[in-house]
Amino acid sequence: MPARPAETAEPDTLSEFGPWEPLLRVVREAHPELSEWSATVGPGAMGGLPGPVGDPSEYYLKVMEAARPLNDAVTEAGRSDVSFSVRIGPGEHVLVTLAAESSSAAIHRNFGVNTAGHVVLTDDARPEPVRRTPQDYPELRPAASTDPAQLERVLRERMPDTVGASERDLAALEERLGEPLPPELRAVLRATPTAMSDSGPPDEDDEHRWERGVRALGGIELFELDGIEWASHADLRKGMPFDVMARSAVVTRPDAAVQGLVDSPRWLIIGDHGGGSGDWVAIDLAPGPAGHVGQLVVLDHESDIGAWLLAESFTGLVLDGPISPPRKNPGHEPPAVVMINSAENMTIEAAATSDLEVLQIGYWDNEQADLTPLLGLPRLRTLTAQPGKIADPLVIGGLDRLEYLEIGLTEWQALLAADAIPDTLLAAGISGYSLDRDQVDDVYDRLIRSRGGRALTAVTIEGRLS
């Protein structure tokens, strides 16, 4: 059943023509021959808009200025962005149709990319890696190099004019965190400045002290006290799309020092690695089976899962320097995560082990993939495939642990026609490019309603460019 337009728009400025008019006018002036186009806009970014004619910098400056009212309306509506299509008819009559939405499910259309994105079928659905919590290894202890007294003494020698945090400040931090500070962190905070001068813009002395502090701490730019927070409360990996996280796996090998989690509630974020890198440093209070309580780990801002070991202790980092980071992340590698395409020496038969969690079928030169070896696998929860690469899509109905499925439009239509959607499915995507929006929305609508959700509705806004 196709998506149906809403009878009435919600009473917000996003459903009024006024905020849209300035942007539509700029595009119309640049492209008077263009009567239909689609795009996605959001505060500070946009994608899919018709390209510039003439000076690109002048055009995009005009676009950015004209989009301000629309960006405000998107924010007011509680949205991060909005996808829409525009049709301009005789007399400059304009129809703006917002991408169809459901009040009981979240559709994430890929920003600035002409693909279908994915739909999360229930409000509370979270991908499996996000749901995982740390495993307890009660026998683990701090590293032998841990020595808070020596650590504080060395830092005071390296920064003799520093005024660190007071006992009152530390007590307030402990109250906010809900438990006593790790002894090494307490020593560091007592001996290290936690902020630049607040008397005005940084001067050369401020910069010198900052650089000296980063060097003294083995390359860590320590956050101010109010920036120290548990990783599960911070926002480095918050808001990552379901389809991205569903492609990762929580893998902690027996020889791992760090557990391969998304954001362990026992990672205490304390600073930035290297100063301004965006890679956060945390004190790890729930290490992997080969780690030490209180070790330092780095959460790479370009990775959606796991952390790498920086040092076995803060004392070890300051005295001996960091440990070299690993080159690979097991949360993206076989046997848990397998990619099959023309560049990979892998078959579905070889991938179909009891450890397989994520299988991605890309473009390859061989015949269509037979999915029957996947039946009965105990951990397979994510399957993605490019359009036309599956021999019999109905086999998917027998994958009784599947949480995320991304396949081509034709394959989805076959599954829906056969009522063969796995009951365990939490989210779904449609692979391929330049897809017909009505067909995409029809698939999403049927999936949402198959879970008892509310049908898609599309809001249309009318106006005229005088």
Protein backbone atom coordinates (compact mmCIF):
# COMPACT_ATOMS: atom_id res chain seq x y z
CA MET A 1 0.00 0.00 0.00
CA PRO A 2 1.60 3.31 -1.01
CA ALA A 3 2.22 6.14 1.41
CA ARG A 4 -0.73 8.45 1.82
CA PRO A 5 -0.56 12.25 2.11
CA ALA A 6 -1.61 13.75 5.38
CA GLU A 7 -4.94 15.49 5.39
CA THR A 8 -3.59 18.35 7.48
CA ALA A 9 -0.05 19.53 8.16
CA GLU A 10 1.27 19.84 11.67
CA PRO A 11 1.04 23.43 12.98
CA ASP A 12 4.71 24.37 12.70
CA THR A 13 6.59 26.73 10.44
CA LEU A 14 8.14 23.84 8.51
CA SER A 15 4.70 23.18 6.97
CA GLU A 16 4.28 26.83 5.93
CA PHE A 17 5.49 28.16 2.59
CA GLY A 18 7.26 31.21 4.04
CA PRO A 19 10.50 29.54 5.26
CA TRP A 20 10.83 27.67 1.95
CA GLU A 21 10.39 30.62 -0.40
CA PRO A 22 13.86 32.27 -0.15
CA LEU A 23 15.70 29.02 -0.96
CA LEU A 24 13.31 28.10 -3.77
CA ARG A 25 13.70 31.55 -5.27
CA VAL A 26 17.52 31.37 -5.34
CA VAL A 27 17.45 27.96 -7.06
CA ARG A 28 14.76 29.12 -9.49
CA GLU A 29 16.77 32.20 -10.49
CA ALA A 30 19.84 30.04 -11.13
CA HIS A 31 17.88 27.30 -12.94
CA PRO A 32 14.78 28.81 -14.63
CA GLU A 33 14.58 25.72 -16.88
CA LEU A 34 14.26 23.33 -13.92
CA SER A 35 10.71 22.47 -12.86
CA GLU A 36 11.39 19.44 -10.64
CA TRP A 37 14.18 18.66 -8.18
CA SER A 38 14.80 17.01 -4.81
CA ALA A 39 17.18 17.72 -1.94
CA THR A 40 17.86 17.37 1.77
CA VAL A 41 18.50 20.32 4.07
CA GLY A 42 19.46 20.72 7.71
CA PRO A 43 21.11 23.34 9.91
CA GLY A 44 24.60 23.98 8.62
CA ALA A 45 24.50 21.45 5.77
CA MET A 46 22.54 20.42 2.70
CA GLY A 47 22.72 17.90 -0.12
CA GLY A 48 21.21 17.24 -3.52
CA LEU A 49 20.50 20.87 -4.44
CA PRO A 50 20.86 21.79 -8.13
CA GLY A 51 24.45 22.85 -8.79
CA PRO A 52 25.75 26.36 -9.39
CA VAL A 53 25.61 28.31 -12.62
CA GLY A 54 28.43 30.82 -12.91
CA ASP A 55 30.48 31.62 -9.80
CA PRO A 56 30.05 28.66 -7.38
CA SER A 57 31.10 30.65 -4.30
CA GLU A 58 28.55 33.38 -5.00
CA TYR A 59 25.79 30.84 -5.64
CA TYR A 60 26.42 28.84 -2.47
CA LEU A 61 26.66 31.99 -0.36
CA LYS A 62 23.22 32.96 -1.64
CA VAL A 63 21.93 29.44 -0.96
CA MET A 64 23.25 29.42 2.59
CA GLU A 65 21.73 32.81 3.36
CA ALA A 66 18.40 31.88 1.76
CA ALA A 67 18.28 28.60 3.72
CA ARG A 68 18.44 30.28 7.14
CA PRO A 69 14.65 30.51 7.67
CA LEU A 70 14.25 26.87 6.58
CA ASN A 71 17.05 25.69 8.87
CA ASP A 72 15.34 27.48 11.76
CA ALA A 73 12.07 25.76 10.89
CA VAL A 74 13.79 22.35 10.76
CA THR A 75 15.28 22.96 14.21
CA GLU A 76 11.96 24.20 15.58
CA ALA A 77 10.32 20.99 14.35
CA GLY A 78 12.86 18.92 16.30
CA ARG A 79 14.42 17.49 13.15
CA SER A 80 18.10 17.18 12.20
CA ASP A 81 17.26 17.49 8.49
CA VAL A 82 14.38 17.08 6.07
CA SER A 83 14.22 15.52 2.59
CA PHE A 84 11.81 17.01 0.09
CA SER A 85 10.90 17.31 -3.59
CA VAL A 86 9.90 20.46 -5.47
CA ARG A 87 7.59 20.81 -8.47
CA ILE A 88 7.09 24.20 -10.14
CA GLY A 89 4.12 24.57 -12.50
CA PRO A 90 2.55 27.30 -14.63
CA GLY A 91 2.39 30.72 -13.03
CA GLU A 92 5.26 29.79 -10.70
CA HIS A 93 2.90 27.63 -8.65
CA VAL A 94 5.03 25.51 -6.29
CA LEU A 95 4.41 22.17 -4.57
CA VAL A 96 6.94 21.14 -1.90
CA THR A 97 6.44 17.56 -0.75
CA LEU A 98 8.23 16.46 2.39
CA ALA A 99 9.49 12.90 2.48
CA ALA A 100 6.90 10.59 3.99
CA GLU A 101 7.15 9.93 7.74
CA SER A 102 5.54 7.67 10.33
CA SER A 103 4.79 8.72 13.89
CA SER A 104 5.74 5.24 15.16
CA ALA A 105 8.96 4.56 13.22
CA ALA A 106 12.00 6.57 12.16
CA ILE A 107 13.06 6.76 8.52
CA HIS A 108 16.66 7.88 8.00
CA ARG A 109 17.17 8.96 4.41
CA ASN A 110 20.86 9.25 3.59
CA PHE A 111 21.81 12.92 3.68
CA GLY A 112 22.78 14.25 0.28
CA VAL A 113 22.89 10.78 -1.30
CA ASN A 114 20.31 9.46 -3.73
CA THR A 115 19.64 6.23 -1.84
CA ALA A 116 16.74 5.00 0.24
CA GLY A 117 18.45 5.04 3.64
CA HIS A 118 16.86 2.83 6.28
CA VAL A 119 13.91 2.62 8.66
CA VAL A 120 13.99 1.75 12.38
CA LEU A 121 10.73 -0.09 12.95
CA THR A 122 10.16 0.74 16.63
CA ASP A 123 11.07 3.75 18.75
CA ASP A 124 13.15 1.80 21.27
CA ALA A 125 15.09 -0.40 18.82
CA ARG A 126 18.88 -0.34 19.22
CA PRO A 127 21.47 -2.36 17.29
CA GLU A 128 23.06 -5.28 19.11
CA PRO A 129 26.53 -3.69 19.60
CA VAL A 130 24.92 -0.72 21.37
CA ARG A 131 23.03 -3.05 23.71
CA ARG A 132 26.16 -4.89 24.85
CA THR A 133 27.58 -4.23 28.33
CA PRO A 134 31.07 -4.99 29.71
CA GLN A 135 31.97 -8.49 30.80
CA ASP A 136 33.34 -8.73 34.33
CA TYR A 137 36.86 -10.05 34.92
CA PRO A 138 37.09 -9.80 38.74
CA GLU A 139 40.65 -11.16 38.89
CA LEU A 140 42.13 -8.14 37.05
CA ARG A 141 44.16 -5.55 38.97
CA PRO A 142 46.01 -2.28 38.20
CA ALA A 143 49.30 -2.60 36.31
CA ALA A 144 52.53 -2.94 38.28
CA SER A 145 53.61 0.45 36.93
CA THR A 146 50.73 2.23 38.69
CA ASP A 147 52.13 4.67 41.26
CA PRO A 148 49.97 7.73 42.02
CA ALA A 149 52.54 9.30 44.37
CA GLN A 150 55.35 9.06 41.82
CA LEU A 151 53.02 10.28 39.08
CA GLU A 152 52.10 13.42 41.02
CA ARG A 153 55.71 14.08 41.95
CA VAL A 154 56.93 13.83 38.34
CA LEU A 155 54.16 16.08 37.05
CA ARG A 156 54.93 18.74 39.67
CA GLU A 157 58.58 18.62 38.63
CA ARG A 158 57.63 19.08 34.98
CA MET A 159 55.13 21.86 35.74
CA PRO A 160 56.45 23.53 38.92
CA ASP A 161 54.30 26.68 38.64
CA THR A 162 51.02 24.83 38.14
CA VAL A 163 47.99 25.17 40.37
CA GLY A 164 45.88 22.05 40.06
CA ALA A 165 42.40 21.16 41.27
CA SER A 166 41.51 21.68 44.92
CA GLU A 167 40.15 18.98 47.20
CA ARG A 168 36.81 20.77 47.05
CA ASP A 169 36.85 20.59 43.24
CA LEU A 170 37.73 16.90 43.32
CA ALA A 171 34.98 16.14 45.82
CA ALA A 172 32.44 17.89 43.57
CA LEU A 173 33.65 15.85 40.59
CA GLU A 174 33.35 12.62 42.56
CA GLU A 175 29.82 13.52 43.57
CA ARG A 176 28.87 14.15 39.93
CA LEU A 177 30.45 10.91 38.73
CA GLY A 178 28.89 8.93 41.55
CA GLU A 179 32.05 7.28 42.87
CA PRO A 180 35.61 8.03 44.04
CA LEU A 181 38.13 9.06 41.40
CA PRO A 182 40.73 6.52 40.28
CA PRO A 183 43.87 7.26 42.36
CA GLU A 184 46.03 8.09 39.32
CA LEU A 185 43.45 10.54 37.98
CA ARG A 186 43.25 12.26 41.36
CA ALA A 187 47.05 12.63 41.32
CA VAL A 188 46.98 14.06 37.78
CA LEU A 189 44.24 16.57 38.56
CA ARG A 190 46.04 17.76 41.68
CA ALA A 191 49.23 18.45 39.70
CA THR A 192 47.91 19.64 36.32
CA PRO A 193 46.16 22.82 35.14
CA THR A 194 42.70 21.87 33.89
CA ALA A 195 42.01 25.06 31.94
CA MET A 196 43.73 27.86 30.06
CA SER A 197 43.68 31.35 31.51
CA ASP A 198 40.15 32.73 31.55
CA SER A 199 41.24 36.37 31.78
CA GLY A 200 40.90 36.90 28.02
CA PRO A 201 42.18 35.50 24.73
CA PRO A 202 45.12 33.08 25.16
CA ASP A 203 48.51 34.80 25.05
CA GLU A 204 51.92 33.26 24.35
CA ASP A 205 52.36 32.23 27.98
CA ASP A 206 49.00 30.44 27.91
CA GLU A 207 49.96 28.60 24.73
CA HIS A 208 53.32 27.65 26.20
CA ARG A 209 51.69 26.28 29.36
CA TRP A 210 49.16 24.36 27.28
CA GLU A 211 51.85 22.75 25.10
CA ARG A 212 53.95 21.96 28.16
CA GLY A 213 50.94 20.34 29.84
CA VAL A 214 50.22 18.12 26.83
CA ARG A 215 53.86 17.02 26.68
CA ALA A 216 53.98 16.37 30.43
CA LEU A 217 50.92 14.11 30.21
CA GLY A 218 52.34 11.98 27.41
CA GLY A 219 50.31 13.67 24.66
CA ILE A 220 46.96 14.05 26.45
CA GLU A 221 45.11 17.36 26.49
CA LEU A 222 43.26 17.06 29.77
CA PHE A 223 39.64 18.22 29.78
CA GLU A 224 38.38 20.74 32.30
CA LEU A 225 36.69 19.14 35.29
CA ASP A 226 33.19 19.59 33.90
CA GLY A 227 34.27 17.77 30.73
CA ILE A 228 35.29 14.59 32.54
CA GLU A 229 32.44 12.12 32.03
CA TRP A 230 31.52 8.46 31.66
CA ALA A 231 31.61 7.40 28.00
CA SER A 232 28.01 6.18 28.15
CA HIS A 233 26.92 9.72 29.09
CA ALA A 234 29.12 11.49 26.52
CA ASP A 235 28.29 12.02 22.87
CA LEU A 236 31.20 10.75 20.76
CA ARG A 237 29.16 7.84 19.37
CA LYS A 238 25.67 8.98 20.24
CA GLY A 239 23.31 9.29 17.32
CA MET A 240 25.23 6.90 15.07
CA PRO A 241 22.71 5.49 12.56
CA PHE A 242 21.30 2.02 13.15
CA ASP A 243 22.55 0.76 9.78
CA VAL A 244 26.13 1.81 10.60
CA MET A 245 26.20 0.23 14.05
CA ALA A 246 24.48 -2.94 12.83
CA ARG A 247 27.49 -3.59 10.58
CA SER A 248 29.89 -3.82 13.54
CA ALA A 249 30.40 -6.56 16.11
CA VAL A 250 31.47 -6.57 19.75
CA VAL A 251 34.54 -8.80 19.72
CA THR A 252 36.82 -9.28 22.74
CA ARG A 253 39.48 -11.90 22.12
CA PRO A 254 41.11 -13.85 24.99
CA ASP A 255 44.35 -11.87 24.55
CA ALA A 256 42.60 -8.48 24.30
CA ALA A 257 43.52 -5.74 26.77
CA VAL A 258 40.41 -3.71 25.85
CA GLN A 259 36.83 -4.89 25.47
CA GLY A 260 35.46 -4.19 22.00
CA LEU A 261 32.42 -2.20 23.11
CA VAL A 262 30.71 0.84 21.63
CA ASP A 263 30.87 2.98 24.75
CA SER A 264 31.55 1.10 27.96
CA PRO A 265 29.90 2.62 31.05
CA ARG A 266 33.26 2.01 32.74
CA TRP A 267 35.27 4.16 30.35
CA LEU A 268 35.88 7.50 32.08
CA ILE A 269 36.58 10.16 29.44
CA ILE A 270 39.33 12.52 30.63
CA GLY A 271 40.86 14.23 27.62
CA ASP A 272 41.82 14.43 23.97
CA HIS A 273 44.67 12.40 22.46
CA GLY A 274 47.29 14.70 20.98
CA GLY A 275 45.38 17.91 21.60
CA GLY A 276 42.49 18.69 19.24
CA SER A 277 42.48 15.32 17.44
CA GLY A 278 38.91 14.45 18.39
CA ASP A 279 40.12 11.08 19.69
CA TRP A 280 39.10 10.79 23.32
CA VAL A 281 41.24 9.30 26.07
CA ALA A 282 39.53 7.30 28.80
CA ILE A 283 40.52 5.54 32.00
CA ASP A 284 39.32 1.97 31.55
CA LEU A 285 37.82 0.50 34.70
CA ALA A 286 36.44 -2.61 32.96
CA PRO A 287 39.36 -3.85 30.85
CA GLY A 288 39.55 -6.89 28.60
CA PRO A 289 40.81 -10.27 29.84
CA ALA A 290 44.48 -9.32 29.23
CA GLY A 291 44.20 -5.72 30.47
CA HIS A 292 44.68 -3.80 33.70
CA VAL A 293 42.19 -1.83 35.77
CA GLY A 294 42.90 1.87 35.28
CA GLN A 295 44.64 1.50 31.92
CA LEU A 296 44.36 4.34 29.38
CA VAL A 297 42.50 3.74 26.12
CA VAL A 298 41.75 5.87 23.06
CA LEU A 299 38.33 6.09 21.40
CA ASP A 300 39.06 6.87 17.75
CA HIS A 301 36.57 9.41 16.40
CA GLU A 302 36.61 7.63 13.02
CA SER A 303 35.65 4.28 14.53
CA ASP A 304 32.16 3.30 15.64
CA ILE A 305 33.26 0.60 18.06
CA GLY A 306 36.08 -0.40 20.39
CA ALA A 307 39.12 1.44 21.74
CA TRP A 308 42.87 0.88 21.59
CA LEU A 309 45.32 0.66 24.45
CA LEU A 310 47.38 3.80 25.01
CA ALA A 311 49.18 2.76 28.21
CA GLU A 312 48.84 0.19 30.99
CA SER A 313 48.70 3.01 33.53
CA PHE A 314 48.90 6.81 33.68
CA THR A 315 52.25 6.50 35.43
CA GLY A 316 53.52 4.27 32.64
CA LEU A 317 52.41 6.76 29.99
CA VAL A 318 54.10 9.73 31.68
CA LEU A 319 57.36 7.87 32.38
CA ASP A 320 57.67 5.55 29.37
CA GLY A 321 55.41 6.92 26.63
CA PRO A 322 52.47 5.39 24.75
CA ILE A 323 51.89 1.95 23.27
CA SER A 324 51.61 1.80 19.47
CA PRO A 325 47.98 1.56 18.30
CA PRO A 326 46.79 -1.61 16.56
CA ARG A 327 46.22 -1.55 12.82
CA LYS A 328 42.98 -3.56 12.75
CA ASN A 329 39.70 -3.63 14.64
CA PRO A 330 38.30 -7.16 15.19
CA GLY A 331 34.81 -5.66 15.32
CA HIS A 332 35.02 -5.19 11.54
CA GLU A 333 36.79 -8.42 10.60
CA PRO A 334 36.09 -12.13 10.03
CA PRO A 335 34.83 -14.38 11.40
CA ALA A 336 32.29 -12.05 13.05
CA VAL A 337 32.00 -9.58 10.15
CA VAL A 338 32.46 -10.83 6.59
CA MET A 339 32.36 -8.99 3.27
CA ILE A 340 31.86 -10.96 0.06
CA ASN A 341 32.67 -9.28 -3.24
CA SER A 342 34.97 -9.65 -6.23
CA ALA A 343 37.93 -8.31 -4.25
CA GLU A 344 37.55 -10.67 -1.28
CA ASN A 345 38.68 -14.29 -1.28
CA MET A 346 35.60 -15.50 0.59
CA THR A 347 32.48 -17.55 -0.14
CA ILE A 348 29.20 -17.78 1.75
CA GLU A 349 29.98 -21.40 2.57
CA ALA A 350 33.27 -20.36 4.20
CA ALA A 351 31.69 -17.39 5.98
CA ALA A 352 28.84 -19.45 7.46
CA THR A 353 30.39 -20.26 10.83
CA SER A 354 28.89 -20.09 14.31
CA ASP A 355 30.81 -16.81 14.88
CA LEU A 356 29.24 -14.97 11.94
CA GLU A 357 27.22 -11.92 13.01
CA VAL A 358 27.34 -9.63 9.99
CA LEU A 359 27.39 -10.68 6.33
CA GLN A 360 27.70 -8.07 3.59
CA ILE A 361 27.33 -9.11 -0.05
CA GLY A 362 28.74 -6.52 -2.39
CA TYR A 363 29.28 -6.44 -6.13
CA TRP A 364 30.91 -9.57 -7.51
CA ASP A 365 31.35 -11.37 -10.79
CA ASN A 366 30.08 -14.77 -9.75
CA GLU A 367 26.55 -16.10 -9.99
CA GLN A 368 23.88 -14.98 -7.52
CA ALA A 369 24.50 -15.93 -3.91
CA ASP A 370 22.80 -18.96 -2.41
CA LEU A 371 21.86 -18.06 1.18
CA THR A 372 20.91 -21.55 2.36
CA PRO A 373 24.26 -22.10 4.19
CA LEU A 374 23.20 -19.29 6.51
CA LEU A 375 20.14 -21.11 7.84
CA GLY A 376 20.45 -22.08 11.50
CA LEU A 377 23.46 -19.89 12.27
CA PRO A 378 23.18 -18.91 15.95
CA ARG A 379 24.49 -15.33 15.78
CA LEU A 380 23.74 -13.95 12.30
CA ARG A 381 21.86 -10.69 12.92
CA THR A 382 22.80 -8.42 9.99
CA LEU A 383 22.58 -9.19 6.27
CA THR A 384 23.17 -6.65 3.52
CA ALA A 385 23.27 -7.32 -0.21
CA GLN A 386 23.47 -5.26 -3.36
CA PRO A 387 20.45 -5.52 -5.69
CA GLY A 388 20.25 -8.69 -7.78
CA LYS A 389 22.94 -10.60 -5.87
CA ILE A 390 20.66 -13.07 -4.02
CA ALA A 391 19.50 -16.21 -5.82
CA ASP A 392 16.36 -16.78 -3.73
CA PRO A 393 15.32 -13.91 -1.42
CA LEU A 394 12.71 -16.11 0.30
CA VAL A 395 15.50 -17.96 2.12
CA ILE A 396 15.80 -14.81 4.24
CA GLY A 397 12.49 -15.69 5.89
CA GLY A 398 14.27 -18.59 7.60
CA LEU A 399 16.97 -16.43 9.20
CA ASP A 400 15.29 -16.36 12.58
CA ARG A 401 17.77 -14.08 14.41
CA LEU A 402 18.03 -11.32 11.83
CA GLU A 403 17.80 -7.77 13.26
CA TYR A 404 18.94 -5.65 10.31
CA LEU A 405 18.30 -6.45 6.64
CA GLU A 406 19.35 -4.32 3.66
CA ILE A 407 18.54 -5.68 0.20
CA GLY A 408 17.37 -4.40 -3.18
CA LEU A 409 13.89 -3.08 -3.90
CA THR A 410 12.92 -6.13 -5.96
CA GLU A 411 14.06 -8.50 -3.22
CA TRP A 412 12.02 -6.59 -0.63
CA GLN A 413 8.93 -6.74 -2.83
CA ALA A 414 9.35 -10.52 -3.15
CA LEU A 415 9.67 -10.96 0.63
CA LEU A 416 6.63 -8.81 1.33
CA ALA A 417 4.53 -10.61 -1.29
CA ALA A 418 5.40 -13.95 0.34
CA ASP A 419 4.90 -12.62 3.89
CA ALA A 420 8.44 -13.87 4.63
CA ILE A 421 9.79 -11.01 6.77
CA PRO A 422 11.72 -12.36 9.81
CA ASP A 423 9.82 -11.61 13.03
CA THR A 424 13.05 -10.53 14.74
CA LEU A 425 13.71 -7.61 12.37
CA LEU A 426 14.32 -4.26 14.12
CA ALA A 427 15.40 -2.12 11.17
CA ALA A 428 15.56 -2.37 7.39
CA GLY A 429 17.32 -0.67 4.49
CA ILE A 430 16.99 -0.69 0.72
CA SER A 431 20.20 -0.93 -1.29
CA GLY A 432 20.74 0.66 -4.68
CA TYR A 433 20.77 4.13 -6.20
CA SER A 434 18.33 6.36 -8.08
CA LEU A 435 15.38 4.47 -6.63
CA ASP A 436 11.78 5.44 -7.20
CA ARG A 437 10.64 7.25 -4.05
CA ASP A 438 7.06 5.97 -4.25
CA GLN A 439 8.24 2.36 -4.43
CA VAL A 440 10.68 2.92 -1.57
CA ASP A 441 7.99 4.48 0.59
CA ASP A 442 5.60 1.66 -0.26
CA VAL A 443 8.11 -0.90 1.08
CA TYR A 444 8.77 1.12 4.22
CA ASP A 445 5.06 1.67 4.79
CA ARG A 446 4.29 -2.04 4.51
CA LEU A 447 7.17 -2.96 6.83
CA ILE A 448 6.07 -0.44 9.46
CA ARG A 449 2.44 -1.54 9.34
CA SER A 450 3.47 -5.22 9.50
CA ARG A 451 4.83 -4.39 12.97
CA GLY A 452 1.61 -2.68 14.00
CA GLY A 453 3.02 0.78 13.35
CA ARG A 454 1.29 3.82 11.87
CA ALA A 455 1.21 4.32 8.12
CA LEU A 456 3.47 6.79 6.35
CA THR A 457 2.09 10.23 5.64
CA ALA A 458 3.54 12.91 3.37
CA VAL A 459 3.01 16.64 3.91
CA THR A 460 2.60 18.84 0.82
CA ILE A 461 3.10 22.62 1.00
CA GLU A 462 1.73 24.94 -1.68
CA GLY A 463 2.82 28.44 -2.63
CA ARG A 464 3.70 30.77 -5.46
CA LEU A 465 6.94 32.45 -6.46
CA SER A 466 5.80 35.93 -7.44
